[in-house]
Amino acid sequence: MTAIRLVPPDGADWTIDALNTSEGVELAIAFTLQGKPITARFVMDRPEARKLAAGILKAAGDGTMRTFPKPAETIDG
C-alpha cells in the first residue's frame, strides 16, 4: 500500500497522511498553529485504525445531519 495524502482543496494549511507500516498504520496530521508548524503522529494497529475511521465517519454523518436536517427543497419547472 502506498502513502495516502489528503490536502484540502481550499488551500487551507493542513494535511493528513496515512502510511502502511509493519506495526499497522501511521497517521500524520500536519497543520500550522499560531504561525508554527505542528505534526501529530499516531501509530495504530489495523483494528485501531478501523475503529478511528468508523468514528470519523460517524462524526461526519452526525455533523451533516445536524447541518442539513431535511432534504433541500427543489423547484420544479
PDB file of N, CA and C in Angstrom:
ATOM      1  N   MET A   1       0.849  -1.177   0.000  1.00  0.00           N
ATOM      2  CA  MET A   1       0.000   0.000   0.000  1.00  0.00           C
ATOM      3  C   MET A   1       0.893   1.239   0.000  1.00  0.00           C
ATOM      4  N   THR A   2       0.545   2.195  -0.805  1.00  0.00           N
ATOM      5  CA  THR A   2       1.305   3.434  -0.842  1.00  0.00           C
ATOM      6  C   THR A   2       0.726   4.434   0.148  1.00  0.00           C
ATOM      7  N   ALA A   3       1.479   5.472   0.404  1.00  0.00           N
ATOM      8  CA  ALA A   3       1.007   6.525   1.310  1.00  0.00           C
ATOM      9  C   ALA A   3      -0.174   7.239   0.676  1.00  0.00           C
ATOM     10  N   ILE A   4      -1.081   7.690   1.509  1.00  0.00           N
ATOM     11  CA  ILE A   4      -2.247   8.458   1.070  1.00  0.00           C
ATOM     12  C   ILE A   4      -2.125   9.848   1.670  1.00  0.00           C
ATOM     13  N   ARG A   5      -2.318  10.878   0.871  1.00  0.00           N
ATOM     14  CA  ARG A   5      -2.242  12.246   1.379  1.00  0.00           C
ATOM     15  C   ARG A   5      -3.549  12.958   1.064  1.00  0.00           C
ATOM     16  N   LEU A   6      -4.124  13.585   2.077  1.00  0.00           N
ATOM     17  CA  LEU A   6      -5.313  14.416   1.922  1.00  0.00           C
ATOM     18  C   LEU A   6      -4.881  15.862   2.068  1.00  0.00           C
ATOM     19  N   VAL A   7      -5.102  16.636   1.016  1.00  0.00           N
ATOM     20  CA  VAL A   7      -4.774  18.055   1.029  1.00  0.00           C
ATOM     21  C   VAL A   7      -6.069  18.805   0.752  1.00  0.00           C
ATOM     22  N   PRO A   8      -6.443  19.754   1.600  1.00  0.00           N
ATOM     23  CA  PRO A   8      -7.710  20.461   1.395  1.00  0.00           C
ATOM     24  C   PRO A   8      -7.702  21.256   0.099  1.00  0.00           C
ATOM     25  N   PRO A   9      -8.823  21.252  -0.625  1.00  0.00           N
ATOM     26  CA  PRO A   9      -8.873  21.944  -1.915  1.00  0.00           C
ATOM     27  C   PRO A   9      -8.894  23.466  -1.808  1.00  0.00           C
ATOM     28  N   ASP A  10      -9.187  23.991  -0.629  1.00  0.00           N
ATOM     29  CA  ASP A  10      -9.320  25.441  -0.491  1.00  0.00           C
ATOM     30  C   ASP A  10      -8.013  26.121  -0.112  1.00  0.00           C
ATOM     31  N   GLY A  11      -6.909  25.375  -0.111  1.00  0.00           N
ATOM     32  CA  GLY A  11      -5.617  25.966   0.216  1.00  0.00           C
ATOM     33  C   GLY A  11      -5.378  26.138   1.704  1.00  0.00           C
ATOM     34  N   ALA A  12      -6.249  25.576   2.549  1.00  0.00           N
ATOM     35  CA  ALA A  12      -6.040  25.659   3.989  1.00  0.00           C
ATOM     36  C   ALA A  12      -4.712  24.999   4.341  1.00  0.00           C
ATOM     37  N   ASP A  13      -4.173  25.367   5.456  1.00  0.00           N
ATOM     38  CA  ASP A  13      -2.825  24.944   5.814  1.00  0.00           C
ATOM     39  C   ASP A  13      -2.837  23.702   6.698  1.00  0.00           C
ATOM     40  N   TRP A  14      -3.245  22.560   6.128  1.00  0.00           N
ATOM     41  CA  TRP A  14      -3.179  21.306   6.852  1.00  0.00           C
ATOM     42  C   TRP A  14      -3.126  20.153   5.870  1.00  0.00           C
ATOM     43  N   THR A  15      -2.577  19.033   6.303  1.00  0.00           N
ATOM     44  CA  THR A  15      -2.565  17.807   5.513  1.00  0.00           C
ATOM     45  C   THR A  15      -2.753  16.628   6.452  1.00  0.00           C
ATOM     46  N   ILE A  16      -3.243  15.538   5.892  1.00  0.00           N
ATOM     47  CA  ILE A  16      -3.336  14.274   6.606  1.00  0.00           C
ATOM     48  C   ILE A  16      -2.667  13.225   5.728  1.00  0.00           C
ATOM     49  N   ASP A  17      -1.705  12.503   6.307  1.00  0.00           N
ATOM     50  CA  ASP A  17      -1.021  11.424   5.602  1.00  0.00           C
ATOM     51  C   ASP A  17      -1.274  10.114   6.327  1.00  0.00           C
ATOM     52  N   ALA A  18      -1.515   9.059   5.575  1.00  0.00           N
ATOM     53  CA  ALA A  18      -1.651   7.721   6.141  1.00  0.00           C
ATOM     54  C   ALA A  18      -0.651   6.816   5.443  1.00  0.00           C
ATOM     55  N   LEU A  19       0.078   6.030   6.230  1.00  0.00           N
ATOM     56  CA  LEU A  19       1.118   5.184   5.682  1.00  0.00           C
ATOM     57  C   LEU A  19       1.030   3.798   6.302  1.00  0.00           C
ATOM     58  N   ASN A  20       1.101   2.790   5.458  1.00  0.00           N
ATOM     59  CA  ASN A  20       1.123   1.412   5.914  1.00  0.00           C
ATOM     60  C   ASN A  20       2.484   1.128   6.553  1.00  0.00           C
ATOM     61  N   THR A  21       2.508   0.612   7.767  1.00  0.00           N
ATOM     62  CA  THR A  21       3.760   0.289   8.457  1.00  0.00           C
ATOM     63  C   THR A  21       3.726  -1.164   8.921  1.00  0.00           C
ATOM     64  N   SER A  22       4.866  -1.653   9.396  1.00  0.00           N
ATOM     65  CA  SER A  22       4.908  -3.026   9.911  1.00  0.00           C
ATOM     66  C   SER A  22       4.046  -3.181  11.160  1.00  0.00           C
ATOM     67  N   GLU A  23       3.854  -2.089  11.922  1.00  0.00           N
ATOM     68  CA  GLU A  23       3.013  -2.130  13.121  1.00  0.00           C
ATOM     69  C   GLU A  23       1.532  -1.978  12.797  1.00  0.00           C
ATOM     70  N   GLY A  24       1.207  -1.486  11.603  1.00  0.00           N
ATOM     71  CA  GLY A  24      -0.184  -1.260  11.208  1.00  0.00           C
ATOM     72  C   GLY A  24      -0.295  -0.046  10.314  1.00  0.00           C
ATOM     73  N   VAL A  25      -0.692   1.076  10.903  1.00  0.00           N
ATOM     74  CA  VAL A  25      -0.916   2.303  10.145  1.00  0.00           C
ATOM     75  C   VAL A  25      -0.320   3.481  10.914  1.00  0.00           C
ATOM     76  N   GLU A  26       0.361   4.375  10.193  1.00  0.00           N
ATOM     77  CA  GLU A  26       0.820   5.627  10.789  1.00  0.00           C
ATOM     78  C   GLU A  26       0.009   6.750  10.177  1.00  0.00           C
ATOM     79  N   LEU A  27      -0.596   7.547  11.029  1.00  0.00           N
ATOM     80  CA  LEU A  27      -1.397   8.689  10.603  1.00  0.00           C
ATOM     81  C   LEU A  27      -0.671   9.948  11.064  1.00  0.00           C
ATOM     82  N   ALA A  28      -0.399  10.854  10.132  1.00  0.00           N
ATOM     83  CA  ALA A  28       0.270  12.114  10.461  1.00  0.00           C
ATOM     84  C   ALA A  28      -0.640  13.265  10.057  1.00  0.00           C
ATOM     85  N   ILE A  29      -0.971  14.104  11.019  1.00  0.00           N
ATOM     86  CA  ILE A  29      -1.802  15.279  10.774  1.00  0.00           C
ATOM     87  C   ILE A  29      -0.904  16.494  10.980  1.00  0.00           C
ATOM     88  N   ALA A  30      -0.719  17.278   9.920  1.00  0.00           N
ATOM     89  CA  ALA A  30       0.157  18.450   9.976  1.00  0.00           C
ATOM     90  C   ALA A  30      -0.673  19.707   9.762  1.00  0.00           C
ATOM     91  N   PHE A  31      -0.386  20.733  10.556  1.00  0.00           N
ATOM     92  CA  PHE A  31      -1.101  21.999  10.443  1.00  0.00           C
ATOM     93  C   PHE A  31      -0.250  23.104  11.041  1.00  0.00           C
ATOM     94  N   THR A  32      -0.695  24.329  10.868  1.00  0.00           N
ATOM     95  CA  THR A  32       0.003  25.471  11.444  1.00  0.00           C
ATOM     96  C   THR A  32      -0.855  26.045  12.555  1.00  0.00           C
ATOM     97  N   LEU A  33      -0.247  26.277  13.708  1.00  0.00           N
ATOM     98  CA  LEU A  33      -0.945  26.834  14.856  1.00  0.00           C
ATOM     99  C   LEU A  33      -0.162  28.042  15.346  1.00  0.00           C
ATOM    100  N   GLN A  34      -0.777  29.183  15.283  1.00  0.00           N
ATOM    101  CA  GLN A  34      -0.149  30.443  15.677  1.00  0.00           C
ATOM    102  C   GLN A  34       1.191  30.643  14.966  1.00  0.00           C
ATOM    103  N   GLY A  35       1.187  30.313  13.664  1.00  0.00           N
ATOM    104  CA  GLY A  35       2.366  30.520  12.832  1.00  0.00           C
ATOM    105  C   GLY A  35       3.450  29.469  12.977  1.00  0.00           C
ATOM    106  N   LYS A  36       3.218  28.436  13.777  1.00  0.00           N
ATOM    107  CA  LYS A  36       4.221  27.397  13.985  1.00  0.00           C
ATOM    108  C   LYS A  36       3.711  26.064  13.440  1.00  0.00           C
ATOM    109  N   PRO A  37       4.553  25.345  12.689  1.00  0.00           N
ATOM    110  CA  PRO A  37       4.112  24.048  12.154  1.00  0.00           C
ATOM    111  C   PRO A  37       4.029  22.989  13.259  1.00  0.00           C
ATOM    112  N   ILE A  38       2.953  22.240  13.234  1.00  0.00           N
ATOM    113  CA  ILE A  38       2.709  21.170  14.202  1.00  0.00           C
ATOM    114  C   ILE A  38       2.424  19.894  13.413  1.00  0.00           C
ATOM    115  N   THR A  39       3.006  18.784  13.824  1.00  0.00           N
ATOM    116  CA  THR A  39       2.672  17.486  13.236  1.00  0.00           C
ATOM    117  C   THR A  39       2.375  16.522  14.372  1.00  0.00           C
ATOM    118  N   ALA A  40       1.193  15.931  14.332  1.00  0.00           N
ATOM    119  CA  ALA A  40       0.813  14.897  15.297  1.00  0.00           C
ATOM    120  C   ALA A  40       0.865  13.554  14.572  1.00  0.00           C
ATOM    121  N   ARG A  41       1.614  12.613  15.117  1.00  0.00           N
ATOM    122  CA  ARG A  41       1.744  11.290  14.510  1.00  0.00           C
ATOM    123  C   ARG A  41       1.122  10.238  15.433  1.00  0.00           C
ATOM    124  N   PHE A  42       0.350   9.353  14.821  1.00  0.00           N
ATOM    125  CA  PHE A  42      -0.300   8.274  15.552  1.00  0.00           C
ATOM    126  C   PHE A  42       0.042   6.964  14.871  1.00  0.00           C
ATOM    127  N   VAL A  43       0.524   5.986  15.611  1.00  0.00           N
ATOM    128  CA  VAL A  43       0.781   4.658  15.074  1.00  0.00           C
ATOM    129  C   VAL A  43      -0.244   3.727  15.703  1.00  0.00           C
ATOM    130  N   MET A  44      -0.996   3.058  14.841  1.00  0.00           N
ATOM    131  CA  MET A  44      -2.089   2.197  15.303  1.00  0.00           C
ATOM    132  C   MET A  44      -2.006   0.850  14.615  1.00  0.00           C
ATOM    133  N   ASP A  45      -2.506  -0.184  15.291  1.00  0.00           N
ATOM    134  CA  ASP A  45      -2.652  -1.442  14.579  1.00  0.00           C
ATOM    135  C   ASP A  45      -3.918  -1.337  13.725  1.00  0.00           C
ATOM    136  N   ARG A  46      -4.115  -2.287  12.842  1.00  0.00           N
ATOM    137  CA  ARG A  46      -5.234  -2.191  11.892  1.00  0.00           C
ATOM    138  C   ARG A  46      -6.611  -2.102  12.567  1.00  0.00           C
ATOM    139  N   PRO A  47      -6.900  -2.889  13.607  1.00  0.00           N
ATOM    140  CA  PRO A  47      -8.208  -2.745  14.255  1.00  0.00           C
ATOM    141  C   PRO A  47      -8.416  -1.350  14.857  1.00  0.00           C
ATOM    142  N   GLU A  48      -7.367  -0.772  15.453  1.00  0.00           N
ATOM    143  CA  GLU A  48      -7.486   0.587  15.996  1.00  0.00           C
ATOM    144  C   GLU A  48      -7.737   1.590  14.871  1.00  0.00           C
ATOM    145  N   ALA A  49      -7.043   1.423  13.749  1.00  0.00           N
ATOM    146  CA  ALA A  49      -7.218   2.338  12.614  1.00  0.00           C
ATOM    147  C   ALA A  49      -8.642   2.246  12.058  1.00  0.00           C
ATOM    148  N   ARG A  50      -9.166   1.040  11.978  1.00  0.00           N
ATOM    149  CA  ARG A  50     -10.544   0.877  11.501  1.00  0.00           C
ATOM    150  C   ARG A  50     -11.543   1.511  12.466  1.00  0.00           C
ATOM    151  N   LYS A  51     -11.289   1.372  13.765  1.00  0.00           N
ATOM    152  CA  LYS A  51     -12.166   1.973  14.775  1.00  0.00           C
ATOM    153  C   LYS A  51     -12.138   3.499  14.664  1.00  0.00           C
ATOM    154  N   LEU A  52     -10.941   4.071  14.465  1.00  0.00           N
ATOM    155  CA  LEU A  52     -10.825   5.516  14.278  1.00  0.00           C
ATOM    156  C   LEU A  52     -11.572   5.961  13.026  1.00  0.00           C
ATOM    157  N   ALA A  53     -11.382   5.240  11.921  1.00  0.00           N
ATOM    158  CA  ALA A  53     -12.056   5.596  10.669  1.00  0.00           C
ATOM    159  C   ALA A  53     -13.579   5.551  10.833  1.00  0.00           C
ATOM    160  N   ALA A  54     -14.076   4.529  11.516  1.00  0.00           N
ATOM    161  CA  ALA A  54     -15.523   4.425  11.749  1.00  0.00           C
ATOM    162  C   ALA A  54     -16.026   5.588  12.596  1.00  0.00           C
ATOM    163  N   GLY A  55     -15.265   5.983  13.610  1.00  0.00           N
ATOM    164  CA  GLY A  55     -15.651   7.114  14.457  1.00  0.00           C
ATOM    165  C   GLY A  55     -15.680   8.416  13.686  1.00  0.00           C
ATOM    166  N   ILE A  56     -14.689   8.613  12.807  1.00  0.00           N
ATOM    167  CA  ILE A  56     -14.658   9.827  11.988  1.00  0.00           C
ATOM    168  C   ILE A  56     -15.851   9.865  11.044  1.00  0.00           C
ATOM    169  N   LEU A  57     -16.171   8.730  10.422  1.00  0.00           N
ATOM    170  CA  LEU A  57     -17.332   8.683   9.524  1.00  0.00           C
ATOM    171  C   LEU A  57     -18.633   8.971  10.273  1.00  0.00           C
ATOM    172  N   LYS A  58     -18.769   8.412  11.482  1.00  0.00           N
ATOM    173  CA  LYS A  58     -19.969   8.671  12.284  1.00  0.00           C
ATOM    174  C   LYS A  58     -20.075  10.155  12.639  1.00  0.00           C
ATOM    175  N   ALA A  59     -18.963  10.743  13.036  1.00  0.00           N
ATOM    176  CA  ALA A  59     -18.978  12.167  13.395  1.00  0.00           C
ATOM    177  C   ALA A  59     -19.321  13.028  12.185  1.00  0.00           C
ATOM    178  N   ALA A  60     -18.786  12.681  11.033  1.00  0.00           N
ATOM    179  CA  ALA A  60     -19.085  13.448   9.813  1.00  0.00           C
ATOM    180  C   ALA A  60     -20.562  13.316   9.454  1.00  0.00           C
ATOM    181  N   GLY A  61     -21.097  12.113   9.569  1.00  0.00           N
ATOM    182  CA  GLY A  61     -22.516  11.908   9.276  1.00  0.00           C
ATOM    183  C   GLY A  61     -23.398  12.659  10.248  1.00  0.00           C
ATOM    184  N   ASP A  62     -23.051  12.632  11.532  1.00  0.00           N
ATOM    185  CA  ASP A  62     -23.814  13.348  12.544  1.00  0.00           C
ATOM    186  C   ASP A  62     -23.776  14.848  12.278  1.00  0.00           C
ATOM    187  N   GLY A  63     -22.588  15.363  11.949  1.00  0.00           N
ATOM    188  CA  GLY A  63     -22.463  16.793  11.647  1.00  0.00           C
ATOM    189  C   GLY A  63     -23.277  17.184  10.425  1.00  0.00           C
ATOM    190  N   THR A  64     -23.281  16.323   9.428  1.00  0.00           N
ATOM    191  CA  THR A  64     -24.057  16.596   8.216  1.00  0.00           C
ATOM    192  C   THR A  64     -25.549  16.605   8.530  1.00  0.00           C
ATOM    193  N   MET A  65     -26.001  15.631   9.316  1.00  0.00           N
ATOM    194  CA  MET A  65     -27.426  15.569   9.656  1.00  0.00           C
ATOM    195  C   MET A  65     -27.851  16.766  10.501  1.00  0.00           C
ATOM    196  N   ARG A  66     -26.985  17.266  11.358  1.00  0.00           N
ATOM    197  CA  ARG A  66     -27.319  18.436  12.167  1.00  0.00           C
ATOM    198  C   ARG A  66     -27.341  19.704  11.314  1.00  0.00           C
ATOM    199  N   THR A  67     -26.460  19.749  10.309  1.00  0.00           N
ATOM    200  CA  THR A  67     -26.390  20.923   9.433  1.00  0.00           C
ATOM    201  C   THR A  67     -27.530  20.934   8.429  1.00  0.00           C
ATOM    202  N   PHE A  68     -27.856  19.757   7.897  1.00  0.00           N
ATOM    203  CA  PHE A  68     -28.901  19.630   6.882  1.00  0.00           C
ATOM    204  C   PHE A  68     -29.931  18.614   7.369  1.00  0.00           C
ATOM    205  N   PRO A  69     -30.818  19.012   8.317  1.00  0.00           N
ATOM    206  CA  PRO A  69     -31.735  18.049   8.927  1.00  0.00           C
ATOM    207  C   PRO A  69     -32.828  17.525   7.990  1.00  0.00           C
ATOM    208  N   LYS A  70     -33.041  18.191   6.875  1.00  0.00           N
ATOM    209  CA  LYS A  70     -34.041  17.707   5.920  1.00  0.00           C
ATOM    210  C   LYS A  70     -33.529  17.980   4.511  1.00  0.00           C
ATOM    211  N   PRO A  71     -34.033  17.248   3.539  1.00  0.00           N
ATOM    212  CA  PRO A  71     -33.591  17.469   2.156  1.00  0.00           C
ATOM    213  C   PRO A  71     -33.902  18.899   1.697  1.00  0.00           C
ATOM    214  N   ALA A  72     -33.062  19.403   0.841  1.00  0.00           N
ATOM    215  CA  ALA A  72     -33.293  20.724   0.264  1.00  0.00           C
ATOM    216  C   ALA A  72     -34.540  20.719  -0.587  1.00  0.00           C
ATOM    217  N   GLU A  73     -35.271  21.818  -0.542  1.00  0.00           N
ATOM    218  CA  GLU A  73     -36.462  21.927  -1.386  1.00  0.00           C
ATOM    219  C   GLU A  73     -36.031  22.169  -2.814  1.00  0.00           C
ATOM    220  N   THR A  74     -36.723  21.557  -3.739  1.00  0.00           N
ATOM    221  CA  THR A  74     -36.408  21.759  -5.151  1.00  0.00           C
ATOM    222  C   THR A  74     -37.533  22.522  -5.824  1.00  0.00           C
ATOM    223  N   ILE A  75     -37.172  23.223  -6.854  1.00  0.00           N
ATOM    224  CA  ILE A  75     -38.155  23.965  -7.633  1.00  0.00           C
ATOM    225  C   ILE A  75     -38.388  23.188  -8.930  1.00  0.00           C
ATOM    226  N   ASP A  76     -39.633  22.734  -9.107  1.00  0.00           N
ATOM    227  CA  ASP A  76     -39.975  22.009 -10.346  1.00  0.00           C
ATOM    228  C   ASP A  76     -40.284  23.028 -11.430  1.00  0.00           C
ATOM    229  N   GLY A  77     -39.811  22.701 -12.598  1.00  0.00           N
ATOM    230  CA  GLY A  77     -40.186  23.635 -13.639  1.00  0.00           C
ATOM    231  C   GLY A  77     -39.338  23.507 -14.794  1.00  0.00           C
TER     232      GLY A  77
END
